[in-house]
Amino acid sequence: MAKIAQGVYGGVSGKLGNTVGASWKGIHYLRIMPASVANPNTPKQQDQRSKFLITLKFLQPLYEAVNLGFKDYAVKMSAFNSAFSYTIQNAISGSFPDYGIHYPSVLMSRGKLKKAESPVASSETPGTVEFAWDDNSDSGNALPTDKALIAIFNPAKNEAVVVNNATRAQLGQTVNVPAYFMADDVHCWVAFISDDGLVSDSTYAGVATIA
């Protein structure tokens, strides 16, 4: 970097060829632009971009779920970004270029509330997913009034259904899904949110084929 005093041209600013003139704290200077930038398409960068895109595509339809479920981990970042960070580090399977989501490793929520006990999902009635879980209302900090956070993801359509209204004491809920989900496999999770805002880890409830 070369400083330039007020000469015949005065202070220098702007770009000329590979030289840029600027000013900092009243000092005019020139700097040479780098001859080239680092290769933006190295194998490592391709690998990371592939994981990034797969994770983003998966989580975007589930924004409502992770925005609730990861709120306790939204420290210096959004809840969505916290969920993104967890997923890309813990729930990617395969190897480049054939990465995928390992659904049982996914968390839709993270927290200290008692999680769902043995949730299962099935589809016996057309256009619905039936959830069931065991009663653990008297275990730890669980309460019968905790609301179930249910997430259903359809990878074939890249769409999700999220509901949050049944209680832990109901031991289950039937959730309607779009008619065009028929015959598709969907992945399901259950978590709980207490009346005072505590959140549980989600539990994978398995895969169901929509009747």
N, C-alpha and C. Protein backbone atom coordinates (compact mmCIF):
# COMPACT_ATOMS: atom_id res chain seq x y z
N MET A 1 0.85 -1.19 0.00
CA MET A 1 0.00 0.00 0.00
C MET A 1 0.88 1.23 0.00
N ALA A 2 0.60 2.21 -0.89
CA ALA A 2 1.38 3.44 -0.96
C ALA A 2 0.47 4.61 -0.61
N LYS A 3 0.89 5.41 0.40
CA LYS A 3 0.11 6.60 0.77
C LYS A 3 0.40 7.70 -0.25
N ILE A 4 -0.55 8.55 -0.49
CA ILE A 4 -0.38 9.62 -1.46
C ILE A 4 -0.73 10.93 -0.78
N ALA A 5 0.23 11.81 -0.75
CA ALA A 5 -0.03 13.15 -0.21
C ALA A 5 -0.80 13.94 -1.26
N GLN A 6 -1.27 15.09 -0.90
CA GLN A 6 -2.00 15.91 -1.84
C GLN A 6 -1.01 16.43 -2.88
N GLY A 7 -0.96 15.75 -3.99
CA GLY A 7 -0.04 16.12 -5.07
C GLY A 7 -0.77 16.86 -6.16
N VAL A 8 -0.25 16.74 -7.37
CA VAL A 8 -0.84 17.48 -8.49
C VAL A 8 -2.26 17.00 -8.79
N TYR A 9 -2.57 15.76 -8.42
CA TYR A 9 -3.91 15.25 -8.67
C TYR A 9 -4.80 15.30 -7.42
N GLY A 10 -4.26 15.77 -6.30
CA GLY A 10 -5.04 15.79 -5.08
C GLY A 10 -5.23 14.38 -4.56
N GLY A 11 -6.24 14.17 -3.73
CA GLY A 11 -6.53 12.84 -3.22
C GLY A 11 -7.01 11.93 -4.34
N VAL A 12 -6.61 10.68 -4.28
CA VAL A 12 -6.98 9.72 -5.31
C VAL A 12 -8.08 8.80 -4.79
N SER A 13 -9.10 8.56 -5.60
CA SER A 13 -10.15 7.63 -5.22
C SER A 13 -10.63 6.91 -6.46
N GLY A 14 -11.28 5.76 -6.24
CA GLY A 14 -11.79 5.00 -7.37
C GLY A 14 -10.80 4.00 -7.89
N LYS A 15 -11.19 3.32 -8.96
CA LYS A 15 -10.41 2.21 -9.52
C LYS A 15 -9.82 2.61 -10.86
N LEU A 16 -8.57 2.27 -11.07
CA LEU A 16 -7.90 2.47 -12.35
C LEU A 16 -7.08 1.22 -12.63
N GLY A 17 -7.53 0.43 -13.62
CA GLY A 17 -6.85 -0.83 -13.90
C GLY A 17 -6.97 -1.75 -12.70
N ASN A 18 -5.79 -2.25 -12.25
CA ASN A 18 -5.80 -3.11 -11.08
C ASN A 18 -5.43 -2.35 -9.81
N THR A 19 -5.59 -1.02 -9.86
CA THR A 19 -5.26 -0.16 -8.72
C THR A 19 -6.52 0.54 -8.21
N VAL A 20 -6.65 0.58 -6.88
CA VAL A 20 -7.80 1.23 -6.26
C VAL A 20 -7.30 2.33 -5.35
N GLY A 21 -7.86 3.53 -5.51
CA GLY A 21 -7.54 4.62 -4.62
C GLY A 21 -8.64 4.81 -3.61
N ALA A 22 -8.26 5.09 -2.37
CA ALA A 22 -9.26 5.26 -1.31
C ALA A 22 -8.69 6.18 -0.25
N SER A 23 -9.51 6.44 0.77
CA SER A 23 -9.09 7.31 1.86
C SER A 23 -9.49 6.69 3.18
N TRP A 24 -8.59 6.76 4.17
CA TRP A 24 -8.86 6.23 5.50
C TRP A 24 -8.32 7.20 6.53
N LYS A 25 -9.22 7.74 7.34
CA LYS A 25 -8.86 8.73 8.36
C LYS A 25 -8.07 9.90 7.77
N GLY A 26 -8.53 10.33 6.57
CA GLY A 26 -7.91 11.48 5.94
C GLY A 26 -6.63 11.18 5.19
N ILE A 27 -6.22 9.90 5.19
CA ILE A 27 -4.99 9.51 4.48
C ILE A 27 -5.37 8.87 3.16
N HIS A 28 -4.90 9.43 2.06
CA HIS A 28 -5.19 8.86 0.75
C HIS A 28 -4.15 7.79 0.44
N TYR A 29 -4.60 6.69 -0.16
CA TYR A 29 -3.66 5.62 -0.47
C TYR A 29 -4.13 4.85 -1.70
N LEU A 30 -3.20 4.08 -2.26
CA LEU A 30 -3.49 3.17 -3.35
C LEU A 30 -3.24 1.75 -2.89
N ARG A 31 -4.03 0.83 -3.39
CA ARG A 31 -3.75 -0.59 -3.15
C ARG A 31 -3.96 -1.36 -4.44
N ILE A 32 -3.20 -2.41 -4.59
CA ILE A 32 -3.29 -3.25 -5.77
C ILE A 32 -4.31 -4.34 -5.52
N MET A 33 -5.21 -4.53 -6.47
CA MET A 33 -6.20 -5.61 -6.33
C MET A 33 -5.51 -6.95 -6.50
N PRO A 34 -5.99 -7.99 -5.82
CA PRO A 34 -5.40 -9.32 -5.98
C PRO A 34 -5.46 -9.76 -7.44
N ALA A 35 -4.43 -10.44 -7.87
CA ALA A 35 -4.37 -10.91 -9.25
C ALA A 35 -5.49 -11.91 -9.53
N SER A 36 -5.85 -12.72 -8.54
CA SER A 36 -6.92 -13.69 -8.72
C SER A 36 -7.49 -14.05 -7.36
N VAL A 37 -8.68 -14.57 -7.36
CA VAL A 37 -9.29 -15.02 -6.12
C VAL A 37 -9.11 -16.52 -6.01
N ALA A 38 -9.31 -17.04 -4.79
CA ALA A 38 -9.18 -18.48 -4.60
C ALA A 38 -10.20 -19.21 -5.45
N ASN A 39 -9.85 -20.36 -5.90
CA ASN A 39 -10.74 -21.19 -6.72
C ASN A 39 -12.04 -21.44 -5.95
N PRO A 40 -13.17 -20.93 -6.47
CA PRO A 40 -14.43 -21.09 -5.74
C PRO A 40 -15.10 -22.43 -5.97
N ASN A 41 -14.42 -23.34 -6.59
CA ASN A 41 -15.07 -24.60 -6.95
C ASN A 41 -14.17 -25.80 -6.64
N THR A 42 -13.50 -25.74 -5.50
CA THR A 42 -12.66 -26.86 -5.10
C THR A 42 -13.55 -28.02 -4.66
N PRO A 43 -13.03 -29.24 -4.62
CA PRO A 43 -13.83 -30.37 -4.16
C PRO A 43 -14.43 -30.15 -2.77
N LYS A 44 -13.64 -29.54 -1.88
CA LYS A 44 -14.16 -29.29 -0.53
C LYS A 44 -15.33 -28.31 -0.56
N GLN A 45 -15.22 -27.28 -1.41
CA GLN A 45 -16.31 -26.30 -1.51
C GLN A 45 -17.55 -26.91 -2.16
N GLN A 46 -17.35 -27.75 -3.17
CA GLN A 46 -18.48 -28.44 -3.79
C GLN A 46 -19.18 -29.34 -2.76
N ASP A 47 -18.39 -30.03 -1.96
CA ASP A 47 -18.93 -30.91 -0.93
C ASP A 47 -19.79 -30.12 0.06
N GLN A 48 -19.26 -28.98 0.52
CA GLN A 48 -19.98 -28.19 1.51
C GLN A 48 -21.24 -27.58 0.91
N ARG A 49 -21.17 -27.11 -0.34
CA ARG A 49 -22.35 -26.55 -0.99
C ARG A 49 -23.44 -27.59 -1.14
N SER A 50 -23.04 -28.82 -1.47
CA SER A 50 -24.02 -29.90 -1.62
C SER A 50 -24.76 -30.14 -0.31
N LYS A 51 -24.03 -30.23 0.80
CA LYS A 51 -24.66 -30.40 2.11
C LYS A 51 -25.56 -29.22 2.45
N PHE A 52 -25.08 -28.02 2.14
CA PHE A 52 -25.84 -26.80 2.43
C PHE A 52 -27.19 -26.81 1.71
N LEU A 53 -27.17 -27.12 0.42
CA LEU A 53 -28.39 -27.06 -0.38
C LEU A 53 -29.39 -28.14 0.06
N ILE A 54 -28.89 -29.34 0.37
CA ILE A 54 -29.78 -30.41 0.82
C ILE A 54 -30.44 -30.05 2.14
N THR A 55 -29.65 -29.49 3.05
CA THR A 55 -30.19 -29.10 4.36
C THR A 55 -31.21 -27.98 4.23
N LEU A 56 -30.90 -26.98 3.41
CA LEU A 56 -31.82 -25.85 3.21
C LEU A 56 -33.13 -26.32 2.59
N LYS A 57 -33.04 -27.16 1.56
CA LYS A 57 -34.25 -27.66 0.90
C LYS A 57 -35.12 -28.43 1.87
N PHE A 58 -34.50 -29.21 2.75
CA PHE A 58 -35.25 -29.99 3.72
C PHE A 58 -35.94 -29.12 4.76
N LEU A 59 -35.22 -28.14 5.30
CA LEU A 59 -35.74 -27.37 6.43
C LEU A 59 -36.71 -26.27 6.05
N GLN A 60 -36.63 -25.74 4.85
CA GLN A 60 -37.50 -24.63 4.49
C GLN A 60 -38.99 -24.95 4.68
N PRO A 61 -39.49 -26.11 4.23
CA PRO A 61 -40.91 -26.40 4.46
C PRO A 61 -41.25 -26.62 5.94
N LEU A 62 -40.22 -26.85 6.76
CA LEU A 62 -40.42 -27.14 8.17
C LEU A 62 -40.12 -25.93 9.05
N TYR A 63 -40.11 -24.75 8.44
CA TYR A 63 -39.74 -23.53 9.15
C TYR A 63 -40.59 -23.34 10.41
N GLU A 64 -41.89 -23.55 10.30
CA GLU A 64 -42.78 -23.33 11.44
C GLU A 64 -42.40 -24.22 12.62
N ALA A 65 -42.05 -25.47 12.32
CA ALA A 65 -41.70 -26.41 13.39
C ALA A 65 -40.39 -26.02 14.06
N VAL A 66 -39.34 -25.80 13.28
CA VAL A 66 -38.03 -25.53 13.89
C VAL A 66 -37.98 -24.13 14.50
N ASN A 67 -38.81 -23.22 14.01
CA ASN A 67 -38.85 -21.88 14.60
C ASN A 67 -39.38 -21.94 16.03
N LEU A 68 -40.31 -22.86 16.29
CA LEU A 68 -40.77 -23.11 17.65
C LEU A 68 -39.80 -24.00 18.42
N GLY A 69 -39.33 -25.03 17.76
CA GLY A 69 -38.56 -26.07 18.45
C GLY A 69 -37.15 -25.69 18.82
N PHE A 70 -36.55 -24.75 18.09
CA PHE A 70 -35.16 -24.38 18.36
C PHE A 70 -35.04 -22.99 18.98
N LYS A 71 -36.14 -22.45 19.50
CA LYS A 71 -36.09 -21.09 20.03
C LYS A 71 -35.13 -20.96 21.22
N ASP A 72 -34.97 -22.04 22.01
CA ASP A 72 -34.06 -21.97 23.15
C ASP A 72 -32.59 -22.00 22.73
N TYR A 73 -32.35 -22.36 21.48
CA TYR A 73 -30.97 -22.43 20.98
C TYR A 73 -30.68 -21.31 19.99
N ALA A 74 -31.55 -20.32 19.95
CA ALA A 74 -31.36 -19.18 19.07
C ALA A 74 -30.50 -18.13 19.77
N VAL A 75 -29.24 -18.49 20.02
CA VAL A 75 -28.29 -17.60 20.69
C VAL A 75 -27.37 -17.00 19.63
N LYS A 76 -27.49 -15.68 19.44
CA LYS A 76 -26.74 -14.96 18.42
C LYS A 76 -27.02 -15.50 17.02
N MET A 77 -28.16 -16.14 16.84
CA MET A 77 -28.61 -16.60 15.54
C MET A 77 -30.10 -16.87 15.63
N SER A 78 -30.75 -17.04 14.49
CA SER A 78 -32.17 -17.34 14.49
C SER A 78 -32.39 -18.81 14.86
N ALA A 79 -33.63 -19.13 15.24
CA ALA A 79 -33.97 -20.52 15.53
C ALA A 79 -33.76 -21.39 14.29
N PHE A 80 -34.11 -20.85 13.12
CA PHE A 80 -33.94 -21.60 11.88
C PHE A 80 -32.45 -21.90 11.64
N ASN A 81 -31.61 -20.90 11.85
CA ASN A 81 -30.17 -21.11 11.64
C ASN A 81 -29.60 -22.11 12.64
N SER A 82 -30.13 -22.12 13.85
CA SER A 82 -29.70 -23.10 14.84
C SER A 82 -30.08 -24.50 14.40
N ALA A 83 -31.30 -24.66 13.90
CA ALA A 83 -31.75 -25.96 13.38
C ALA A 83 -30.91 -26.37 12.16
N PHE A 84 -30.60 -25.40 11.33
CA PHE A 84 -29.78 -25.68 10.14
C PHE A 84 -28.41 -26.20 10.56
N SER A 85 -27.79 -25.52 11.53
CA SER A 85 -26.47 -25.94 12.01
C SER A 85 -26.50 -27.35 12.57
N TYR A 86 -27.54 -27.65 13.37
CA TYR A 86 -27.64 -29.00 13.94
C TYR A 86 -27.81 -30.04 12.85
N THR A 87 -28.68 -29.76 11.90
CA THR A 87 -28.99 -30.74 10.86
C THR A 87 -27.79 -31.03 9.97
N ILE A 88 -27.09 -30.00 9.54
CA ILE A 88 -25.98 -30.21 8.63
C ILE A 88 -24.83 -30.95 9.30
N GLN A 89 -24.74 -30.82 10.64
CA GLN A 89 -23.68 -31.50 11.37
C GLN A 89 -24.05 -32.93 11.80
N ASN A 90 -25.35 -33.19 11.95
CA ASN A 90 -25.76 -34.45 12.59
C ASN A 90 -26.70 -35.34 11.78
N ALA A 91 -27.29 -34.82 10.71
CA ALA A 91 -28.35 -35.58 10.04
C ALA A 91 -28.16 -35.71 8.53
N ILE A 92 -26.91 -35.57 8.06
CA ILE A 92 -26.61 -35.78 6.65
C ILE A 92 -25.99 -37.17 6.50
N SER A 93 -26.50 -37.94 5.55
CA SER A 93 -25.97 -39.28 5.31
C SER A 93 -25.41 -39.36 3.89
N GLY A 94 -24.61 -40.41 3.64
CA GLY A 94 -24.06 -40.62 2.32
C GLY A 94 -22.74 -39.90 2.13
N SER A 95 -22.30 -39.83 0.90
CA SER A 95 -21.05 -39.15 0.56
C SER A 95 -21.25 -38.39 -0.74
N PHE A 96 -20.44 -37.39 -0.95
CA PHE A 96 -20.56 -36.53 -2.14
C PHE A 96 -20.40 -37.36 -3.40
N PRO A 97 -21.26 -37.19 -4.41
CA PRO A 97 -22.33 -36.18 -4.50
C PRO A 97 -23.71 -36.73 -4.10
N ASP A 98 -23.73 -37.87 -3.44
CA ASP A 98 -25.00 -38.54 -3.12
C ASP A 98 -25.39 -38.38 -1.65
N TYR A 99 -25.49 -37.14 -1.20
CA TYR A 99 -25.92 -36.88 0.17
C TYR A 99 -27.44 -36.97 0.29
N GLY A 100 -27.89 -37.28 1.49
CA GLY A 100 -29.32 -37.28 1.78
C GLY A 100 -29.54 -36.97 3.24
N ILE A 101 -30.79 -36.84 3.64
CA ILE A 101 -31.16 -36.60 5.04
C ILE A 101 -31.37 -37.94 5.73
N HIS A 102 -30.72 -38.11 6.88
CA HIS A 102 -30.96 -39.29 7.72
C HIS A 102 -32.05 -38.91 8.71
N TYR A 103 -33.29 -39.22 8.35
CA TYR A 103 -34.45 -38.71 9.07
C TYR A 103 -34.48 -39.07 10.56
N PRO A 104 -34.10 -40.29 10.97
CA PRO A 104 -34.12 -40.59 12.41
C PRO A 104 -33.17 -39.72 13.23
N SER A 105 -32.16 -39.14 12.57
CA SER A 105 -31.20 -38.29 13.29
C SER A 105 -31.63 -36.83 13.37
N VAL A 106 -32.68 -36.49 12.66
CA VAL A 106 -33.15 -35.10 12.64
C VAL A 106 -33.80 -34.75 13.97
N LEU A 107 -33.58 -33.52 14.41
CA LEU A 107 -34.33 -32.95 15.53
C LEU A 107 -35.14 -31.77 15.02
N MET A 108 -36.44 -31.80 15.28
CA MET A 108 -37.30 -30.67 14.98
C MET A 108 -37.31 -29.66 16.12
N SER A 109 -36.90 -30.13 17.29
CA SER A 109 -36.84 -29.25 18.45
C SER A 109 -35.78 -29.76 19.40
N ARG A 110 -35.29 -28.86 20.25
CA ARG A 110 -34.31 -29.20 21.27
C ARG A 110 -34.65 -28.47 22.55
N GLY A 111 -34.61 -29.18 23.65
CA GLY A 111 -34.90 -28.52 24.92
C GLY A 111 -34.89 -29.47 26.08
N LYS A 112 -35.22 -28.97 27.26
CA LYS A 112 -35.08 -29.71 28.50
C LYS A 112 -36.40 -30.31 29.02
N LEU A 113 -37.49 -30.05 28.32
CA LEU A 113 -38.76 -30.67 28.71
C LEU A 113 -38.71 -32.15 28.40
N LYS A 114 -39.42 -32.96 29.18
CA LYS A 114 -39.48 -34.40 28.94
C LYS A 114 -40.02 -34.67 27.55
N LYS A 115 -39.32 -35.50 26.77
CA LYS A 115 -39.73 -35.73 25.39
C LYS A 115 -40.82 -36.79 25.30
N ALA A 116 -41.35 -36.98 24.10
CA ALA A 116 -42.42 -37.95 23.87
C ALA A 116 -41.92 -39.36 24.11
N GLU A 117 -42.78 -40.18 24.66
CA GLU A 117 -42.45 -41.57 24.97
C GLU A 117 -43.00 -42.49 23.87
N SER A 118 -42.11 -43.12 23.13
CA SER A 118 -42.46 -44.14 22.13
C SER A 118 -43.53 -43.69 21.13
N PRO A 119 -43.35 -42.54 20.50
CA PRO A 119 -44.35 -42.12 19.51
C PRO A 119 -44.28 -42.98 18.24
N VAL A 120 -45.43 -43.22 17.65
CA VAL A 120 -45.51 -43.95 16.39
C VAL A 120 -46.49 -43.22 15.47
N ALA A 121 -46.25 -43.36 14.16
CA ALA A 121 -47.14 -42.74 13.17
C ALA A 121 -47.56 -43.79 12.16
N SER A 122 -48.82 -43.74 11.75
CA SER A 122 -49.34 -44.67 10.75
C SER A 122 -50.42 -43.95 9.95
N SER A 123 -50.85 -44.57 8.86
CA SER A 123 -51.91 -43.99 8.06
C SER A 123 -52.87 -45.09 7.64
N GLU A 124 -53.98 -45.16 8.34
CA GLU A 124 -55.00 -46.17 8.05
C GLU A 124 -56.20 -45.57 7.33
N THR A 125 -56.43 -44.30 7.57
CA THR A 125 -57.55 -43.60 6.95
C THR A 125 -57.03 -42.68 5.86
N PRO A 126 -57.63 -42.70 4.68
CA PRO A 126 -57.14 -41.86 3.58
C PRO A 126 -57.00 -40.39 3.98
N GLY A 127 -55.85 -39.82 3.62
CA GLY A 127 -55.63 -38.40 3.86
C GLY A 127 -55.29 -38.02 5.27
N THR A 128 -54.90 -38.99 6.10
CA THR A 128 -54.57 -38.68 7.49
C THR A 128 -53.32 -39.43 7.92
N VAL A 129 -52.70 -38.89 8.97
CA VAL A 129 -51.64 -39.60 9.70
C VAL A 129 -52.09 -39.68 11.15
N GLU A 130 -52.10 -40.90 11.68
CA GLU A 130 -52.51 -41.10 13.07
C GLU A 130 -51.26 -41.25 13.94
N PHE A 131 -51.15 -40.39 14.94
CA PHE A 131 -50.04 -40.42 15.89
C PHE A 131 -50.51 -41.01 17.22
N ALA A 132 -49.62 -41.72 17.88
CA ALA A 132 -49.90 -42.22 19.23
C ALA A 132 -48.60 -42.19 20.03
N TRP A 133 -48.71 -41.94 21.32
CA TRP A 133 -47.55 -41.96 22.21
C TRP A 133 -47.98 -42.45 23.58
N ASP A 134 -47.03 -42.92 24.36
CA ASP A 134 -47.32 -43.42 25.70
C ASP A 134 -47.47 -42.27 26.69
N ASP A 135 -48.17 -42.53 27.76
CA ASP A 135 -48.39 -41.51 28.79
C ASP A 135 -47.19 -41.43 29.72
N ASN A 136 -46.49 -40.31 29.69
CA ASN A 136 -45.41 -40.07 30.65
C ASN A 136 -45.61 -38.73 31.35
N SER A 137 -46.90 -38.39 31.57
CA SER A 137 -47.25 -37.09 32.13
C SER A 137 -46.70 -36.86 33.52
N ASP A 138 -46.41 -37.92 34.26
CA ASP A 138 -45.92 -37.77 35.63
C ASP A 138 -44.41 -38.02 35.73
N SER A 139 -43.73 -37.99 34.60
CA SER A 139 -42.28 -38.27 34.59
C SER A 139 -41.50 -36.97 34.45
N GLY A 140 -40.58 -36.75 35.39
CA GLY A 140 -39.74 -35.54 35.31
C GLY A 140 -40.57 -34.28 35.32
N ASN A 141 -40.32 -33.40 34.35
CA ASN A 141 -41.04 -32.13 34.30
C ASN A 141 -42.20 -32.16 33.31
N ALA A 142 -42.58 -33.35 32.87
CA ALA A 142 -43.72 -33.49 31.94
C ALA A 142 -45.03 -33.18 32.65
N LEU A 143 -45.96 -32.58 31.91
CA LEU A 143 -47.29 -32.30 32.42
C LEU A 143 -48.34 -32.74 31.40
N PRO A 144 -49.52 -33.12 31.85
CA PRO A 144 -50.57 -33.54 30.92
C PRO A 144 -50.96 -32.45 29.92
N THR A 145 -50.74 -31.19 30.30
CA THR A 145 -51.16 -30.07 29.46
C THR A 145 -50.14 -29.67 28.39
N ASP A 146 -48.96 -30.29 28.40
CA ASP A 146 -47.96 -29.96 27.38
C ASP A 146 -48.54 -30.17 25.99
N LYS A 147 -48.30 -29.23 25.08
CA LYS A 147 -48.84 -29.31 23.73
C LYS A 147 -47.87 -30.07 22.81
N ALA A 148 -48.44 -30.96 22.00
CA ALA A 148 -47.64 -31.73 21.06
C ALA A 148 -47.29 -30.89 19.84
N LEU A 149 -46.01 -30.85 19.51
CA LEU A 149 -45.53 -30.24 18.26
C LEU A 149 -45.29 -31.39 17.29
N ILE A 150 -46.15 -31.50 16.29
CA ILE A 150 -46.10 -32.61 15.35
C ILE A 150 -45.67 -32.10 13.98
N ALA A 151 -44.69 -32.77 13.40
CA ALA A 151 -44.20 -32.39 12.07
C ALA A 151 -44.25 -33.60 11.15
N ILE A 152 -44.77 -33.39 9.96
CA ILE A 152 -44.85 -34.42 8.93
C ILE A 152 -44.16 -33.89 7.68
N PHE A 153 -43.19 -34.63 7.18
CA PHE A 153 -42.45 -34.18 5.99
C PHE A 153 -42.61 -35.18 4.86
N ASN A 154 -42.98 -34.67 3.69
CA ASN A 154 -43.14 -35.48 2.49
C ASN A 154 -41.99 -35.18 1.54
N PRO A 155 -40.97 -36.05 1.46
CA PRO A 155 -39.82 -35.77 0.59
C PRO A 155 -40.16 -35.77 -0.89
N ALA A 156 -41.17 -36.55 -1.29
CA ALA A 156 -41.54 -36.60 -2.71
C ALA A 156 -42.10 -35.26 -3.18
N LYS A 157 -42.82 -34.56 -2.31
CA LYS A 157 -43.41 -33.27 -2.65
C LYS A 157 -42.61 -32.09 -2.08
N ASN A 158 -41.64 -32.40 -1.22
CA ASN A 158 -40.88 -31.38 -0.48
C ASN A 158 -41.82 -30.40 0.22
N GLU A 159 -42.81 -30.96 0.91
CA GLU A 159 -43.78 -30.18 1.66
C GLU A 159 -43.92 -30.76 3.07
N ALA A 160 -44.44 -29.94 3.97
CA ALA A 160 -44.59 -30.37 5.36
C ALA A 160 -45.93 -29.93 5.91
N VAL A 161 -46.39 -30.66 6.92
CA VAL A 161 -47.57 -30.29 7.70
C VAL A 161 -47.12 -30.21 9.15
N VAL A 162 -47.42 -29.09 9.82
CA VAL A 162 -47.02 -28.88 11.21
C VAL A 162 -48.26 -28.49 12.01
N VAL A 163 -48.49 -29.16 13.13
CA VAL A 163 -49.61 -28.82 14.02
C VAL A 163 -49.10 -28.76 15.46
N ASN A 164 -49.81 -28.00 16.28
CA ASN A 164 -49.39 -27.82 17.67
C ASN A 164 -50.61 -27.54 18.54
N ASN A 165 -51.50 -28.55 18.68
CA ASN A 165 -52.70 -28.31 19.47
C ASN A 165 -53.11 -29.46 20.39
N ALA A 166 -52.73 -30.71 20.12
CA ALA A 166 -53.07 -31.81 21.01
C ALA A 166 -52.23 -31.72 22.29
N THR A 167 -52.69 -32.34 23.36
CA THR A 167 -51.93 -32.33 24.61
C THR A 167 -51.28 -33.69 24.84
N ARG A 168 -50.31 -33.69 25.72
CA ARG A 168 -49.61 -34.93 26.07
C ARG A 168 -50.60 -35.97 26.61
N ALA A 169 -51.58 -35.50 27.38
CA ALA A 169 -52.54 -36.42 28.01
C ALA A 169 -53.48 -37.08 27.00
N GLN A 170 -53.60 -36.53 25.80
CA GLN A 170 -54.49 -37.12 24.80
C GLN A 170 -53.91 -38.40 24.20
N LEU A 171 -52.61 -38.58 24.35
CA LEU A 171 -51.92 -39.80 23.91
C LEU A 171 -51.99 -40.04 22.40
N GLY A 172 -52.27 -38.98 21.66
CA GLY A 172 -52.27 -39.13 20.21
C GLY A 172 -53.05 -38.04 19.52
N GLN A 173 -52.95 -38.04 18.20
CA GLN A 173 -53.69 -37.07 17.40
C GLN A 173 -53.76 -37.56 15.95
N THR A 174 -54.87 -37.30 15.30
CA THR A 174 -55.02 -37.57 13.87
C THR A 174 -54.83 -36.26 13.12
N VAL A 175 -53.91 -36.27 12.16
CA VAL A 175 -53.56 -35.05 11.42
C VAL A 175 -53.94 -35.23 9.95
N ASN A 176 -54.68 -34.28 9.42
CA ASN A 176 -55.03 -34.31 8.00
C ASN A 176 -53.86 -33.83 7.15
N VAL A 177 -53.67 -34.48 6.01
CA VAL A 177 -52.64 -34.07 5.06
C VAL A 177 -53.30 -33.85 3.70
N PRO A 178 -52.64 -33.14 2.80
CA PRO A 178 -53.24 -32.90 1.48
C PRO A 178 -53.57 -34.20 0.74
N ALA A 179 -54.62 -34.16 -0.05
CA ALA A 179 -55.06 -35.35 -0.79
C ALA A 179 -53.97 -35.85 -1.74
N TYR A 180 -53.17 -34.92 -2.26
CA TYR A 180 -52.13 -35.32 -3.21
C TYR A 180 -50.92 -35.98 -2.54
N PHE A 181 -50.97 -36.13 -1.22
CA PHE A 181 -49.95 -36.93 -0.52
C PHE A 181 -50.22 -38.44 -0.65
N MET A 182 -51.38 -38.82 -1.19
CA MET A 182 -51.77 -40.21 -1.23
C MET A 182 -50.68 -41.09 -1.83
N ALA A 183 -50.37 -42.19 -1.13
CA ALA A 183 -49.37 -43.20 -1.52
C ALA A 183 -47.93 -42.75 -1.32
N ASP A 184 -47.73 -41.53 -0.84
CA ASP A 184 -46.37 -41.05 -0.56
C ASP A 184 -45.93 -41.49 0.83
N ASP A 185 -44.63 -41.70 0.99
CA ASP A 185 -44.05 -41.94 2.31
C ASP A 185 -43.77 -40.60 2.98
N VAL A 186 -44.17 -40.47 4.23
CA VAL A 186 -43.90 -39.25 4.99
C VAL A 186 -43.15 -39.60 6.27
N HIS A 187 -42.29 -38.70 6.69
CA HIS A 187 -41.51 -38.87 7.92
C HIS A 187 -42.11 -37.99 9.00
N CYS A 188 -42.12 -38.51 10.22
CA CYS A 188 -42.92 -37.89 11.28
C CYS A 188 -42.11 -37.72 12.57
N TRP A 189 -42.37 -36.61 13.26
CA TRP A 189 -41.72 -36.33 14.55
C TRP A 189 -42.75 -35.78 15.54
N VAL A 190 -42.48 -36.02 16.82
CA VAL A 190 -43.33 -35.49 17.89
C VAL A 190 -42.43 -34.86 18.95
N ALA A 191 -42.80 -33.67 19.39
CA ALA A 191 -42.14 -33.01 20.52
C ALA A 191 -43.24 -32.39 21.39
N PHE A 192 -42.84 -31.80 22.51
CA PHE A 192 -43.81 -31.13 23.38
C PHE A 192 -43.33 -29.75 23.77
N ILE A 193 -44.30 -28.85 23.97
CA ILE A 193 -44.03 -27.49 24.44
C ILE A 193 -44.95 -27.23 25.62
N SER A 194 -44.36 -26.82 26.74
CA SER A 194 -45.16 -26.58 27.94
C SER A 194 -45.85 -25.22 27.89
N ASP A 195 -46.80 -25.03 28.79
CA ASP A 195 -47.53 -23.76 28.82
C ASP A 195 -46.61 -22.59 29.12
N ASP A 196 -45.51 -22.85 29.85
CA ASP A 196 -44.59 -21.75 30.16
C ASP A 196 -43.41 -21.69 29.18
N GLY A 197 -43.52 -22.40 28.06
CA GLY A 197 -42.54 -22.23 26.98
C GLY A 197 -41.39 -23.20 26.93
N LEU A 198 -41.31 -24.15 27.87
CA LEU A 198 -40.26 -25.16 27.78
C LEU A 198 -40.51 -26.06 26.57
N VAL A 199 -39.42 -26.49 25.93
CA VAL A 199 -39.50 -27.31 24.73
C VAL A 199 -38.75 -28.61 24.97
N SER A 200 -39.24 -29.70 24.39
CA SER A 200 -38.54 -30.98 24.50
C SER A 200 -37.75 -31.25 23.22
N ASP A 201 -36.82 -32.18 23.30
CA ASP A 201 -36.25 -32.75 22.08
C ASP A 201 -37.39 -33.43 21.32
N SER A 202 -37.32 -33.39 20.02
CA SER A 202 -38.30 -34.16 19.24
C SER A 202 -37.89 -35.62 19.20
N THR A 203 -38.85 -36.48 18.93
CA THR A 203 -38.61 -37.91 18.78
C THR A 203 -39.15 -38.35 17.42
N TYR A 204 -38.35 -39.08 16.70
CA TYR A 204 -38.77 -39.59 15.39
C TYR A 204 -39.85 -40.65 15.58
N ALA A 205 -40.98 -40.44 14.90
CA ALA A 205 -42.12 -41.36 15.03
C ALA A 205 -42.21 -42.33 13.85
N GLY A 206 -41.22 -42.29 12.99
CA GLY A 206 -41.17 -43.25 11.90
C GLY A 206 -41.70 -42.71 10.60
N VAL A 207 -41.82 -43.63 9.64
CA VAL A 207 -42.31 -43.29 8.31
C VAL A 207 -43.67 -43.94 8.11
N ALA A 208 -44.58 -43.22 7.50
CA ALA A 208 -45.92 -43.75 7.22
C ALA A 208 -46.21 -43.54 5.74
N THR A 209 -46.89 -44.51 5.14
CA THR A 209 -47.32 -44.39 3.76
C THR A 209 -48.78 -43.95 3.75
N ILE A 210 -49.05 -42.80 3.15
CA ILE A 210 -50.37 -42.21 3.22
C ILE A 210 -51.40 -43.07 2.48
N ALA A 211 -52.45 -43.42 3.17
CA ALA A 211 -53.51 -44.25 2.58
C ALA A 211 -54.31 -43.46 1.55
